[in-house]
N, C-alpha and C. Protein backbone atom coordinates (compact mmCIF):
# COMPACT_ATOMS: atom_id res chain seq x y z
N UNK A 1 136.09 -3.59 -10.02
CA UNK A 1 136.03 -2.35 -10.13
C UNK A 1 136.70 -1.50 -9.16
N UNK A 2 137.63 -0.55 -9.49
CA UNK A 2 138.65 0.51 -8.59
C UNK A 2 137.99 1.88 -8.68
N UNK A 3 137.92 2.56 -7.55
CA UNK A 3 137.22 3.50 -7.81
C UNK A 3 138.60 4.80 -6.90
N UNK A 4 138.78 5.76 -7.81
CA UNK A 4 139.32 6.85 -7.24
C UNK A 4 138.28 8.10 -6.99
N UNK A 5 138.30 8.61 -5.87
CA UNK A 5 137.43 9.93 -5.66
C UNK A 5 138.45 11.10 -5.09
N UNK A 6 138.07 12.39 -5.33
CA UNK A 6 138.51 13.49 -4.67
C UNK A 6 137.61 14.76 -4.92
N UNK A 7 137.65 15.91 -4.27
CA UNK A 7 137.18 16.86 -4.18
C UNK A 7 137.74 17.88 -4.88
N UNK A 8 137.06 18.84 -5.99
CA UNK A 8 137.65 19.73 -6.70
C UNK A 8 136.91 21.04 -6.52
N UNK A 9 137.29 22.24 -7.13
CA UNK A 9 136.87 23.34 -7.27
C UNK A 9 136.31 24.17 -6.07
N UNK A 10 135.60 25.25 -6.40
CA UNK A 10 135.26 26.33 -5.31
C UNK A 10 133.97 25.75 -4.26
N UNK A 11 133.43 24.48 -4.93
CA UNK A 11 132.27 23.88 -4.01
C UNK A 11 132.54 22.79 -3.80
N UNK A 12 133.80 22.08 -3.70
CA UNK A 12 134.19 21.09 -3.49
C UNK A 12 133.53 19.98 -3.80
N UNK A 13 133.45 19.88 -5.11
CA UNK A 13 132.67 18.92 -5.74
C UNK A 13 133.29 17.61 -5.91
N UNK A 14 132.43 16.50 -5.71
CA UNK A 14 133.28 15.27 -5.54
C UNK A 14 133.14 14.61 -7.19
N UNK A 15 134.69 14.36 -7.65
CA UNK A 15 134.84 13.81 -8.88
C UNK A 15 135.23 12.14 -8.89
N UNK A 16 134.77 11.53 -9.54
CA UNK A 16 135.23 9.94 -9.22
C UNK A 16 135.78 9.58 -10.56
N UNK A 17 136.73 8.81 -10.51
CA UNK A 17 137.32 7.62 -11.43
C UNK A 17 136.80 6.17 -11.38
N UNK A 18 136.16 5.79 -12.31
CA UNK A 18 135.73 4.40 -12.15
C UNK A 18 136.76 3.27 -13.10
N UNK A 19 137.13 2.42 -12.55
CA UNK A 19 138.17 1.96 -13.18
C UNK A 19 137.75 0.17 -13.42
N UNK A 20 137.77 -0.43 -14.80
CA UNK A 20 137.82 -1.81 -14.94
C UNK A 20 139.39 -2.00 -15.02
N UNK A 21 139.75 -3.00 -13.58
CA UNK A 21 141.10 -3.36 -13.37
C UNK A 21 141.45 -4.20 -14.75
N UNK A 22 140.68 -5.05 -15.29
CA UNK A 22 141.21 -6.01 -16.28
C UNK A 22 141.51 -5.18 -17.60
N UNK A 23 140.79 -4.11 -18.22
CA UNK A 23 141.16 -3.46 -19.00
C UNK A 23 141.85 -2.15 -19.09
N UNK A 24 141.94 -1.73 -17.80
CA UNK A 24 142.72 -0.64 -17.51
C UNK A 24 141.67 0.80 -18.20
N UNK A 25 140.51 0.48 -18.38
CA UNK A 25 139.72 1.63 -19.01
C UNK A 25 139.09 2.02 -17.80
N UNK A 26 138.67 3.41 -17.91
CA UNK A 26 138.06 4.47 -16.97
C UNK A 26 137.13 5.18 -17.54
N UNK A 27 136.28 5.74 -16.69
CA UNK A 27 135.24 6.77 -16.82
C UNK A 27 135.58 7.66 -15.75
N UNK A 28 135.23 8.90 -15.85
CA UNK A 28 135.10 9.84 -14.84
C UNK A 28 133.85 10.60 -14.91
N UNK A 29 133.31 10.62 -13.70
CA UNK A 29 131.74 11.00 -13.00
C UNK A 29 132.06 12.43 -12.45
N UNK A 30 131.51 13.53 -13.21
CA UNK A 30 131.39 14.74 -12.51
C UNK A 30 132.71 15.46 -12.51
N UNK A 31 133.57 15.64 -13.57
CA UNK A 31 134.64 16.73 -13.47
C UNK A 31 134.18 18.17 -13.36
N UNK A 32 134.45 18.49 -12.31
CA UNK A 32 134.01 19.96 -11.96
C UNK A 32 135.22 20.79 -12.38
N UNK A 33 135.13 22.08 -11.95
CA UNK A 33 136.32 23.16 -12.27
C UNK A 33 137.61 22.52 -11.29
N UNK A 34 138.55 22.60 -11.96
CA UNK A 34 140.09 21.93 -11.43
C UNK A 34 140.00 20.59 -11.30
N UNK A 35 139.23 19.99 -11.94
CA UNK A 35 139.49 18.38 -11.80
C UNK A 35 140.46 17.74 -12.70
N UNK A 36 140.52 18.42 -14.01
CA UNK A 36 141.28 17.85 -15.13
C UNK A 36 142.39 17.51 -14.86
N UNK A 37 143.22 18.31 -14.01
CA UNK A 37 144.67 17.72 -13.74
C UNK A 37 144.91 16.68 -12.98
N UNK A 38 144.01 16.56 -11.98
CA UNK A 38 144.13 15.43 -11.03
C UNK A 38 143.73 14.18 -11.83
N UNK A 39 142.75 14.33 -12.42
CA UNK A 39 142.11 13.31 -13.63
C UNK A 39 143.04 12.47 -14.22
N UNK A 40 144.06 13.61 -15.07
CA UNK A 40 144.95 13.17 -15.83
C UNK A 40 146.13 12.70 -15.07
N UNK A 41 146.41 13.32 -14.04
CA UNK A 41 147.42 12.72 -13.09
C UNK A 41 147.25 11.15 -12.83
N UNK A 42 145.94 10.97 -12.34
CA UNK A 42 145.55 9.69 -12.07
C UNK A 42 145.53 8.66 -13.28
N UNK A 43 145.06 9.17 -14.30
CA UNK A 43 145.17 8.10 -15.49
C UNK A 43 146.55 7.82 -15.88
N UNK A 44 147.70 8.68 -15.91
CA UNK A 44 148.80 8.65 -16.37
C UNK A 44 149.66 7.70 -15.29
N UNK A 45 149.29 7.97 -13.77
CA UNK A 45 150.00 7.05 -12.89
C UNK A 45 149.63 5.88 -13.11
N UNK A 46 148.36 5.49 -13.18
CA UNK A 46 148.02 4.08 -13.13
C UNK A 46 147.80 3.44 -14.78
N UNK A 47 148.38 4.04 -15.68
CA UNK A 47 148.37 3.81 -17.14
C UNK A 47 146.71 3.42 -17.35
N UNK A 48 145.74 4.38 -17.29
CA UNK A 48 144.43 4.24 -17.60
C UNK A 48 144.05 4.80 -18.86
N UNK A 49 143.00 4.17 -19.50
CA UNK A 49 142.52 4.93 -20.74
C UNK A 49 141.14 5.56 -20.42
N UNK A 50 140.97 6.68 -20.51
CA UNK A 50 139.52 7.28 -20.32
C UNK A 50 138.50 7.03 -21.65
N UNK A 51 137.47 6.53 -21.30
CA UNK A 51 136.71 5.88 -22.34
C UNK A 51 135.35 6.75 -22.29
N UNK A 52 134.83 7.31 -21.12
CA UNK A 52 133.60 8.40 -21.31
C UNK A 52 133.89 9.33 -19.98
N UNK A 53 133.07 10.35 -20.19
CA UNK A 53 132.76 11.36 -19.31
C UNK A 53 131.38 11.41 -19.20
N UNK A 54 130.92 11.16 -17.53
CA UNK A 54 129.59 10.90 -17.26
C UNK A 54 128.90 12.01 -16.43
N UNK A 55 128.06 12.75 -16.46
CA UNK A 55 127.59 13.79 -15.59
C UNK A 55 126.25 13.40 -15.01
N UNK A 56 126.32 13.37 -13.60
CA UNK A 56 124.96 13.08 -13.01
C UNK A 56 124.10 14.36 -13.11
N UNK A 57 124.45 15.34 -13.39
CA UNK A 57 123.43 16.51 -13.78
C UNK A 57 124.27 17.81 -14.23
N UNK A 58 123.62 18.96 -14.73
CA UNK A 58 124.16 19.90 -15.51
C UNK A 58 124.74 21.08 -14.77
N UNK A 59 124.77 21.04 -13.68
CA UNK A 59 125.36 22.30 -13.12
C UNK A 59 126.89 22.31 -13.15
N UNK A 60 127.52 23.70 -13.28
CA UNK A 60 128.90 23.88 -13.73
C UNK A 60 129.82 23.43 -12.88
N UNK A 61 129.52 23.38 -11.33
CA UNK A 61 130.41 22.78 -10.55
C UNK A 61 130.74 21.28 -10.67
N UNK A 62 129.77 20.61 -11.58
CA UNK A 62 130.11 19.13 -11.89
C UNK A 62 130.44 19.00 -13.23
N UNK A 63 130.34 19.89 -14.14
CA UNK A 63 130.77 19.79 -15.57
C UNK A 63 131.79 20.64 -16.16
N UNK A 64 132.47 21.68 -15.39
CA UNK A 64 133.31 22.70 -15.86
C UNK A 64 134.45 21.91 -16.67
N UNK A 65 134.95 20.83 -16.32
CA UNK A 65 136.15 20.52 -17.27
C UNK A 65 135.72 19.19 -17.90
N UNK A 66 134.37 18.82 -18.35
CA UNK A 66 133.92 17.58 -18.88
C UNK A 66 134.59 17.71 -20.38
N UNK A 67 134.32 18.87 -21.14
CA UNK A 67 134.71 19.07 -22.36
C UNK A 67 136.13 18.93 -22.71
N UNK A 68 137.00 19.67 -21.73
CA UNK A 68 138.33 19.49 -21.95
C UNK A 68 139.03 18.06 -21.93
N UNK A 69 138.38 17.24 -20.80
CA UNK A 69 138.72 15.90 -20.71
C UNK A 69 138.36 15.16 -21.94
N UNK A 70 137.10 15.31 -22.46
CA UNK A 70 136.51 14.34 -23.47
C UNK A 70 137.30 14.89 -24.89
N UNK A 71 137.69 16.11 -25.18
CA UNK A 71 138.59 16.33 -26.11
C UNK A 71 139.85 15.73 -26.02
N UNK A 72 140.69 15.96 -25.11
CA UNK A 72 141.93 15.41 -24.82
C UNK A 72 141.97 13.84 -24.93
N UNK A 73 140.98 13.22 -24.68
CA UNK A 73 140.77 11.80 -24.54
C UNK A 73 139.99 11.14 -25.85
N UNK A 74 139.47 12.07 -26.44
CA UNK A 74 138.58 11.43 -27.65
C UNK A 74 137.44 10.60 -27.44
N UNK A 75 136.91 11.13 -26.44
CA UNK A 75 135.51 10.34 -25.81
C UNK A 75 134.28 11.28 -25.77
N UNK A 76 133.38 10.45 -25.55
CA UNK A 76 132.04 11.25 -25.31
C UNK A 76 131.86 11.72 -24.01
N UNK A 77 130.64 12.73 -24.10
CA UNK A 77 130.17 13.00 -22.71
C UNK A 77 128.73 12.61 -22.44
N UNK A 78 128.06 12.20 -21.50
CA UNK A 78 127.05 11.62 -21.37
C UNK A 78 126.21 12.55 -20.37
N UNK A 79 125.00 12.88 -20.61
CA UNK A 79 124.24 13.59 -19.55
C UNK A 79 122.64 13.24 -19.98
N UNK A 80 121.72 13.51 -19.02
CA UNK A 80 120.38 13.63 -19.34
C UNK A 80 120.06 14.68 -20.35
N UNK A 81 119.00 14.30 -21.31
CA UNK A 81 118.87 15.37 -22.33
C UNK A 81 118.06 16.81 -21.71
N UNK A 82 117.46 16.59 -20.37
CA UNK A 82 116.85 17.80 -19.72
C UNK A 82 117.82 18.79 -19.27
N UNK A 83 119.05 18.09 -18.91
CA UNK A 83 120.11 19.04 -18.36
C UNK A 83 121.17 19.45 -19.55
N UNK A 84 120.78 18.82 -20.55
CA UNK A 84 122.19 19.33 -21.62
C UNK A 84 122.29 20.78 -22.03
N UNK A 85 121.36 21.27 -21.93
CA UNK A 85 121.29 23.04 -22.28
C UNK A 85 122.16 23.75 -21.13
N UNK A 86 122.45 23.06 -19.96
CA UNK A 86 123.33 23.58 -18.87
C UNK A 86 124.72 23.52 -19.43
N UNK A 87 124.94 22.73 -20.57
CA UNK A 87 126.33 22.22 -21.00
C UNK A 87 126.98 23.83 -21.77
N UNK A 88 125.93 24.67 -22.15
CA UNK A 88 126.40 26.03 -22.75
C UNK A 88 126.40 26.87 -21.89
N UNK A 89 127.44 27.55 -21.43
CA UNK A 89 127.96 28.40 -20.36
C UNK A 89 127.06 29.21 -19.72
N UNK A 90 126.64 29.06 -18.39
CA UNK A 90 125.87 30.10 -17.79
C UNK A 90 124.55 29.64 -17.73
N UNK A 91 124.03 28.80 -18.28
CA UNK A 91 122.72 28.27 -18.25
C UNK A 91 122.47 27.63 -17.04
N UNK A 92 121.26 27.90 -16.42
CA UNK A 92 121.13 27.27 -15.03
C UNK A 92 121.98 27.36 -13.86
N UNK A 93 122.76 28.44 -13.84
CA UNK A 93 123.64 29.06 -12.87
C UNK A 93 122.89 29.81 -11.79
N UNK A 94 123.01 29.70 -10.46
CA UNK A 94 122.54 30.54 -9.35
C UNK A 94 123.34 31.85 -9.48
N UNK A 95 122.82 33.01 -8.88
CA UNK A 95 123.79 34.37 -9.08
C UNK A 95 125.01 34.03 -8.64
N UNK A 96 125.14 33.17 -7.27
CA UNK A 96 126.39 33.05 -6.40
C UNK A 96 127.47 32.40 -7.34
N UNK A 97 126.72 31.21 -8.03
CA UNK A 97 127.48 30.50 -8.99
C UNK A 97 128.13 31.23 -10.11
N UNK A 98 127.29 32.09 -10.64
CA UNK A 98 127.52 32.99 -11.83
C UNK A 98 128.81 33.98 -11.49
N UNK A 99 128.76 34.35 -10.25
CA UNK A 99 129.77 35.25 -9.58
C UNK A 99 131.14 34.48 -9.61
N UNK A 100 131.03 33.17 -8.88
CA UNK A 100 132.32 32.62 -8.79
C UNK A 100 132.87 32.14 -10.22
N UNK A 101 132.08 31.95 -11.02
CA UNK A 101 132.62 31.37 -12.51
C UNK A 101 132.77 32.45 -13.46
N UNK A 102 132.50 33.96 -12.93
CA UNK A 102 132.13 34.69 -13.87
C UNK A 102 133.45 35.04 -14.97
N UNK A 103 134.86 34.86 -14.43
CA UNK A 103 135.96 34.96 -15.33
C UNK A 103 136.35 33.72 -15.88
N UNK A 104 135.38 32.75 -15.81
CA UNK A 104 135.86 31.63 -16.15
C UNK A 104 135.22 31.08 -17.56
N UNK A 105 135.87 30.33 -18.34
CA UNK A 105 135.01 29.96 -19.54
C UNK A 105 134.70 28.16 -19.78
N UNK A 106 134.06 27.96 -20.55
CA UNK A 106 133.47 26.61 -20.54
C UNK A 106 133.09 26.38 -22.12
N UNK A 107 133.85 25.28 -22.57
CA UNK A 107 133.49 24.69 -23.88
C UNK A 107 132.47 23.88 -23.95
N UNK A 108 131.75 23.80 -25.04
CA UNK A 108 130.72 22.89 -25.20
C UNK A 108 131.34 21.38 -25.83
N UNK A 109 130.94 20.37 -25.12
CA UNK A 109 131.69 19.24 -25.49
C UNK A 109 131.53 18.67 -27.08
N UNK A 110 132.35 18.16 -27.78
CA UNK A 110 132.41 17.65 -29.07
C UNK A 110 131.32 16.45 -29.46
N UNK A 111 131.32 15.79 -28.60
CA UNK A 111 130.34 14.53 -28.59
C UNK A 111 129.66 14.25 -27.13
N UNK A 112 128.20 14.77 -27.48
CA UNK A 112 127.39 14.68 -26.33
C UNK A 112 126.40 13.60 -26.62
N UNK A 113 125.98 12.63 -25.81
CA UNK A 113 125.28 11.66 -25.95
C UNK A 113 124.21 11.63 -24.49
N UNK A 114 123.10 11.04 -24.77
CA UNK A 114 122.03 11.00 -23.63
C UNK A 114 122.03 9.84 -22.70
N UNK A 115 121.70 10.16 -21.72
CA UNK A 115 121.44 9.25 -20.40
C UNK A 115 119.79 8.99 -20.30
N UNK A 116 119.26 8.04 -20.66
CA UNK A 116 117.72 7.76 -20.45
C UNK A 116 117.32 7.23 -19.45
N UNK A 117 116.20 7.24 -18.70
CA UNK A 117 115.70 6.67 -17.40
C UNK A 117 115.39 5.34 -17.83
N UNK A 118 115.94 4.39 -16.89
CA UNK A 118 115.67 2.93 -17.10
C UNK A 118 116.39 2.10 -17.88
N UNK A 119 117.63 2.83 -18.62
CA UNK A 119 118.59 2.20 -19.61
C UNK A 119 119.57 1.53 -18.52
N UNK A 120 120.09 0.49 -19.27
CA UNK A 120 121.24 -0.06 -18.60
C UNK A 120 122.46 0.47 -19.56
N UNK A 121 123.55 0.87 -19.06
CA UNK A 121 124.48 1.37 -19.85
C UNK A 121 125.98 0.81 -19.27
N UNK A 122 126.78 0.62 -20.23
CA UNK A 122 128.19 0.12 -19.71
C UNK A 122 129.16 0.73 -20.26
N UNK A 123 130.20 1.01 -19.47
CA UNK A 123 131.39 1.70 -19.88
C UNK A 123 132.66 1.02 -19.14
N UNK A 124 133.70 0.82 -20.06
CA UNK A 124 135.04 0.18 -19.23
C UNK A 124 134.73 -1.25 -18.67
N UNK A 125 133.56 -2.03 -19.11
CA UNK A 125 133.16 -3.14 -18.68
C UNK A 125 132.46 -3.13 -17.40
N UNK A 126 131.84 -2.06 -17.04
CA UNK A 126 131.08 -2.05 -15.55
C UNK A 126 129.84 -1.37 -16.09
N UNK A 127 128.70 -1.91 -15.62
CA UNK A 127 127.35 -1.60 -15.84
C UNK A 127 126.75 -0.86 -14.82
N UNK A 128 125.94 0.05 -15.47
CA UNK A 128 125.19 1.01 -14.24
C UNK A 128 123.73 0.86 -14.83
N UNK A 129 122.66 0.91 -13.88
CA UNK A 129 121.47 1.59 -14.32
C UNK A 129 121.21 2.90 -14.23
N UNK A 130 120.51 3.72 -15.11
CA UNK A 130 120.16 5.04 -15.11
C UNK A 130 118.87 5.13 -14.44
N UNK A 131 118.65 6.07 -13.33
CA UNK A 131 117.33 6.51 -12.74
C UNK A 131 117.52 8.14 -13.12
N UNK A 132 116.39 8.51 -13.60
CA UNK A 132 116.04 9.84 -13.81
C UNK A 132 115.68 10.19 -12.28
N UNK A 133 116.28 11.18 -11.83
CA UNK A 133 116.00 11.52 -10.33
C UNK A 133 115.86 13.26 -10.35
N UNK A 134 114.80 13.76 -11.05
CA UNK A 134 114.58 15.25 -10.72
C UNK A 134 114.35 15.94 -9.69
N UNK A 135 114.61 17.36 -9.64
CA UNK A 135 114.05 18.09 -8.39
C UNK A 135 115.21 18.85 -8.15
N UNK A 136 116.58 18.54 -7.95
CA UNK A 136 117.62 19.42 -7.91
C UNK A 136 118.00 20.13 -9.10
N UNK A 137 117.82 19.16 -10.15
CA UNK A 137 117.90 19.95 -11.54
C UNK A 137 117.01 19.03 -12.40
N UNK A 138 116.40 19.50 -13.46
CA UNK A 138 115.73 18.92 -14.59
C UNK A 138 116.18 17.31 -14.73
N UNK A 139 117.41 17.39 -15.14
CA UNK A 139 117.90 16.06 -15.65
C UNK A 139 118.86 15.27 -14.70
N UNK A 140 118.81 15.35 -13.38
CA UNK A 140 119.47 14.64 -12.44
C UNK A 140 119.44 13.14 -12.72
N UNK A 141 120.29 12.62 -12.45
CA UNK A 141 120.21 11.08 -12.66
C UNK A 141 121.15 10.36 -11.45
N UNK A 142 120.82 9.16 -11.26
CA UNK A 142 121.31 8.25 -10.34
C UNK A 142 121.99 6.96 -11.13
N UNK A 143 123.51 6.75 -11.03
CA UNK A 143 123.93 5.88 -11.74
C UNK A 143 124.08 4.72 -10.88
N UNK A 144 123.20 3.66 -10.76
CA UNK A 144 123.27 2.42 -10.00
C UNK A 144 124.04 1.16 -10.40
N UNK A 145 125.12 0.97 -9.70
CA UNK A 145 125.86 -0.05 -9.82
C UNK A 145 125.29 -1.47 -9.08
N UNK A 146 126.28 -2.56 -8.87
CA UNK A 146 125.71 -3.47 -8.29
C UNK A 146 126.12 -3.29 -6.73
N UNK A 147 127.18 -2.35 -6.39
CA UNK A 147 127.64 -2.15 -4.96
C UNK A 147 127.30 -0.82 -4.68
N UNK A 148 127.52 0.39 -5.47
CA UNK A 148 127.41 1.68 -5.30
C UNK A 148 126.41 2.40 -6.22
N UNK A 149 126.03 3.51 -5.81
CA UNK A 149 125.12 4.67 -6.59
C UNK A 149 125.82 5.77 -6.56
N UNK A 150 126.03 6.40 -7.76
CA UNK A 150 126.58 7.59 -7.88
C UNK A 150 125.36 8.47 -7.72
N UNK A 151 125.26 9.20 -7.01
CA UNK A 151 123.99 10.15 -6.43
C UNK A 151 124.13 11.64 -7.01
N UNK A 152 125.20 11.90 -7.40
CA UNK A 152 125.19 13.56 -7.97
C UNK A 152 124.74 14.37 -6.65
N UNK A 153 123.91 15.21 -6.68
CA UNK A 153 123.45 16.18 -5.85
C UNK A 153 121.85 15.67 -5.40
N UNK A 154 121.48 14.54 -5.52
CA UNK A 154 120.23 14.29 -5.18
C UNK A 154 120.28 13.87 -3.83
N UNK A 155 121.20 12.90 -3.16
CA UNK A 155 121.25 12.32 -2.02
C UNK A 155 122.72 12.85 -1.45
N UNK A 156 122.60 13.25 -0.20
CA UNK A 156 124.04 13.47 0.56
C UNK A 156 123.83 12.87 1.93
N UNK A 157 124.93 12.70 2.80
CA UNK A 157 124.99 12.21 3.91
C UNK A 157 124.19 13.10 4.92
N UNK A 158 123.18 12.76 5.34
CA UNK A 158 122.11 13.32 6.29
C UNK A 158 121.58 14.46 5.43
N UNK A 159 121.52 14.77 4.19
CA UNK A 159 120.80 15.83 3.49
C UNK A 159 120.56 15.28 1.89
N UNK A 160 119.84 16.53 1.36
CA UNK A 160 119.55 15.96 0.14
C UNK A 160 119.97 17.61 -0.96
N UNK A 161 119.97 17.46 -2.06
CA UNK A 161 120.40 18.65 -3.05
C UNK A 161 119.32 19.69 -2.66
N UNK A 162 119.99 20.71 -2.98
CA UNK A 162 119.01 22.10 -2.84
C UNK A 162 117.88 21.91 -4.00
N UNK A 163 116.85 22.74 -3.65
CA UNK A 163 115.76 22.83 -4.60
C UNK A 163 115.32 24.34 -4.75
N UNK A 164 116.13 25.20 -4.37
CA UNK A 164 115.99 26.72 -4.49
C UNK A 164 116.71 27.35 -5.56
N UNK A 165 117.20 26.46 -6.47
CA UNK A 165 118.05 26.98 -7.63
C UNK A 165 117.25 26.92 -9.04
N UNK A 166 117.89 27.80 -9.83
CA UNK A 166 117.08 27.66 -11.36
C UNK A 166 116.61 26.30 -12.05
N UNK A 167 115.60 26.38 -12.07
CA UNK A 167 115.25 24.64 -12.71
C UNK A 167 114.94 23.75 -11.56
N UNK A 168 115.20 24.09 -10.26
CA UNK A 168 115.07 22.92 -9.23
C UNK A 168 113.73 23.02 -8.84
N UNK A 169 112.91 22.23 -8.06
CA UNK A 169 111.62 21.81 -7.69
C UNK A 169 111.45 21.22 -6.53
N UNK A 170 111.02 21.52 -5.33
CA UNK A 170 110.87 20.85 -4.26
C UNK A 170 109.86 19.67 -4.23
N UNK A 171 108.81 19.93 -5.09
CA UNK A 171 107.69 18.78 -5.15
C UNK A 171 108.24 17.85 -5.97
N UNK A 172 108.79 18.21 -7.06
CA UNK A 172 109.47 16.99 -7.84
C UNK A 172 110.64 16.15 -7.02
N UNK A 173 111.34 16.96 -6.24
CA UNK A 173 112.54 16.28 -5.43
C UNK A 173 111.63 15.41 -4.70
N UNK A 174 110.70 15.64 -3.75
CA UNK A 174 110.06 14.98 -2.85
C UNK A 174 109.60 13.68 -3.51
N UNK A 175 108.98 13.91 -4.73
CA UNK A 175 108.48 12.74 -5.61
C UNK A 175 109.83 11.91 -6.01
N UNK A 176 110.91 12.24 -6.39
CA UNK A 176 112.13 11.37 -6.50
C UNK A 176 112.47 10.64 -5.15
N UNK A 177 112.45 11.28 -4.09
CA UNK A 177 112.95 10.61 -2.99
C UNK A 177 112.06 9.31 -2.70
N UNK A 178 110.62 9.54 -2.87
CA UNK A 178 109.81 8.83 -2.70
C UNK A 178 109.83 7.48 -3.81
N UNK A 179 109.93 7.68 -4.73
CA UNK A 179 109.83 6.80 -5.84
C UNK A 179 111.09 6.44 -6.33
N UNK A 180 112.28 6.94 -6.52
CA UNK A 180 113.74 6.75 -7.06
C UNK A 180 114.57 6.49 -5.72
N UNK A 181 114.72 7.04 -4.89
CA UNK A 181 115.60 6.98 -3.88
C UNK A 181 115.34 6.10 -2.86
N UNK A 182 114.33 6.12 -2.07
CA UNK A 182 113.57 5.20 -0.96
C UNK A 182 113.77 3.78 -1.35
N UNK A 183 113.32 3.41 -2.76
CA UNK A 183 113.31 2.03 -3.19
C UNK A 183 114.87 1.23 -3.25
N UNK A 184 116.00 2.28 -3.13
CA UNK A 184 117.35 1.74 -3.62
C UNK A 184 117.56 0.70 -2.49
N UNK A 185 118.45 -0.25 -2.69
CA UNK A 185 118.82 -1.46 -1.76
C UNK A 185 119.61 -0.95 -0.74
N UNK A 186 119.36 -1.21 0.51
CA UNK A 186 120.25 -0.99 1.68
C UNK A 186 121.49 -1.17 1.46
N UNK A 187 121.80 -2.06 0.77
CA UNK A 187 123.29 -2.57 0.85
C UNK A 187 124.41 -1.92 -0.11
N UNK A 188 123.49 -0.73 -0.82
CA UNK A 188 124.45 -0.07 -1.77
C UNK A 188 125.11 1.21 -0.97
N UNK A 189 126.52 1.66 -1.38
CA UNK A 189 127.11 2.43 -0.94
C UNK A 189 126.65 3.58 -1.68
N UNK A 190 126.83 5.08 -0.97
CA UNK A 190 126.30 6.21 -1.86
C UNK A 190 127.49 7.00 -2.15
N UNK A 191 127.93 7.28 -3.42
CA UNK A 191 128.92 8.15 -3.66
C UNK A 191 128.26 9.67 -3.94
N UNK A 192 128.16 10.32 -3.16
CA UNK A 192 127.30 11.85 -3.18
C UNK A 192 128.09 12.76 -4.17
N UNK A 193 127.67 13.93 -4.82
CA UNK A 193 128.22 14.95 -5.53
C UNK A 193 129.13 15.76 -4.33
N UNK A 194 128.67 15.74 -3.29
CA UNK A 194 129.57 16.74 -2.22
C UNK A 194 129.70 15.85 -1.05
N UNK A 195 130.77 16.02 -0.37
CA UNK A 195 130.57 15.42 1.25
C UNK A 195 131.22 14.20 1.10
N UNK A 196 131.25 13.17 2.19
CA UNK A 196 131.62 12.06 2.44
C UNK A 196 130.79 10.85 1.86
N UNK A 197 131.18 9.66 1.43
CA UNK A 197 130.40 8.62 1.04
C UNK A 197 129.80 8.02 2.33
N UNK A 198 128.31 7.64 1.88
CA UNK A 198 127.50 6.91 3.03
C UNK A 198 126.83 5.78 2.33
N UNK A 199 125.77 5.17 3.22
CA UNK A 199 125.46 3.96 2.39
C UNK A 199 123.84 4.33 2.40
N UNK A 200 123.02 3.62 1.77
CA UNK A 200 121.67 3.73 1.77
C UNK A 200 120.99 3.14 3.10
N UNK A 201 121.70 2.20 3.84
CA UNK A 201 121.22 1.75 4.99
C UNK A 201 121.41 2.68 6.06
N UNK A 202 122.46 3.76 5.95
CA UNK A 202 122.56 4.56 6.72
C UNK A 202 121.52 5.94 6.66
N UNK A 203 121.49 5.97 5.40
CA UNK A 203 120.59 7.21 5.18
C UNK A 203 119.05 7.00 5.37
N UNK A 204 118.90 5.80 5.23
CA UNK A 204 117.13 5.29 5.28
C UNK A 204 116.78 5.58 6.89
N UNK A 205 118.07 5.22 7.69
CA UNK A 205 117.91 5.27 9.30
C UNK A 205 117.84 6.62 9.87
N UNK A 206 118.87 7.43 9.14
CA UNK A 206 119.35 8.65 9.83
C UNK A 206 118.77 9.88 9.23
N UNK A 207 118.81 9.86 7.79
CA UNK A 207 118.69 11.06 6.82
C UNK A 207 117.01 11.68 7.05
N UNK A 208 116.96 13.15 7.71
CA UNK A 208 115.76 13.49 8.14
C UNK A 208 114.95 13.79 6.73
N UNK A 209 115.20 13.96 6.01
CA UNK A 209 114.53 14.18 4.74
C UNK A 209 113.88 12.82 3.99
N UNK A 210 114.50 11.79 4.37
CA UNK A 210 113.82 10.25 3.78
C UNK A 210 113.43 9.76 5.22
N UNK A 211 113.47 10.01 6.35
CA UNK A 211 112.82 9.85 7.62
C UNK A 211 111.41 10.44 7.26
N UNK A 212 111.28 11.74 7.01
CA UNK A 212 110.05 12.41 6.94
C UNK A 212 109.03 11.36 5.87
N UNK A 213 109.74 10.97 4.98
CA UNK A 213 108.59 10.28 3.88
C UNK A 213 108.35 8.71 4.42
N UNK A 214 109.14 8.23 5.32
CA UNK A 214 109.03 6.87 5.46
C UNK A 214 107.60 6.77 6.08
């Protein structure tokens, strides 16, 4: 597995390209606003084919360019069903986010498929376990691979996702941290939706939100 990552858009949202080096197939995780150009440049530079757009949750700073990439490359968009309504422009946005994206438009993807808790999915020859991890949003998920977890806005280096947004819930987030995040293997790298990559070992030892639950 080869991984490309970069931050895009007004919230510096992390977008990831996960590549199977044998087949030159790739998936993109969380292509937010202004991500499409960099994704396409990377695909062209490395002669990769995009086979899926995968969303850790439905907030527009993670989903803005999902539909255009899926249309251009003829591939589906995957999201948890609880966050699918957010793919309709404006739903689930905070007032600040609505202002930032007020002059922007967002198309609904032509082919939307669902991620379900507990299922094992495989794209580009790379497998992930899907874990429903609500709290930041109703349909947040973790994508858990053999060596890395794509955490969206559930877990950051030294922090967790906000729970004061439309559709978020602090009590549900606490339950997610207890039952979904804390059981993760210490050896996993954590690729968050914002900020630097970290590890479960480091977060278990230093993240104040996890320490409070230990």
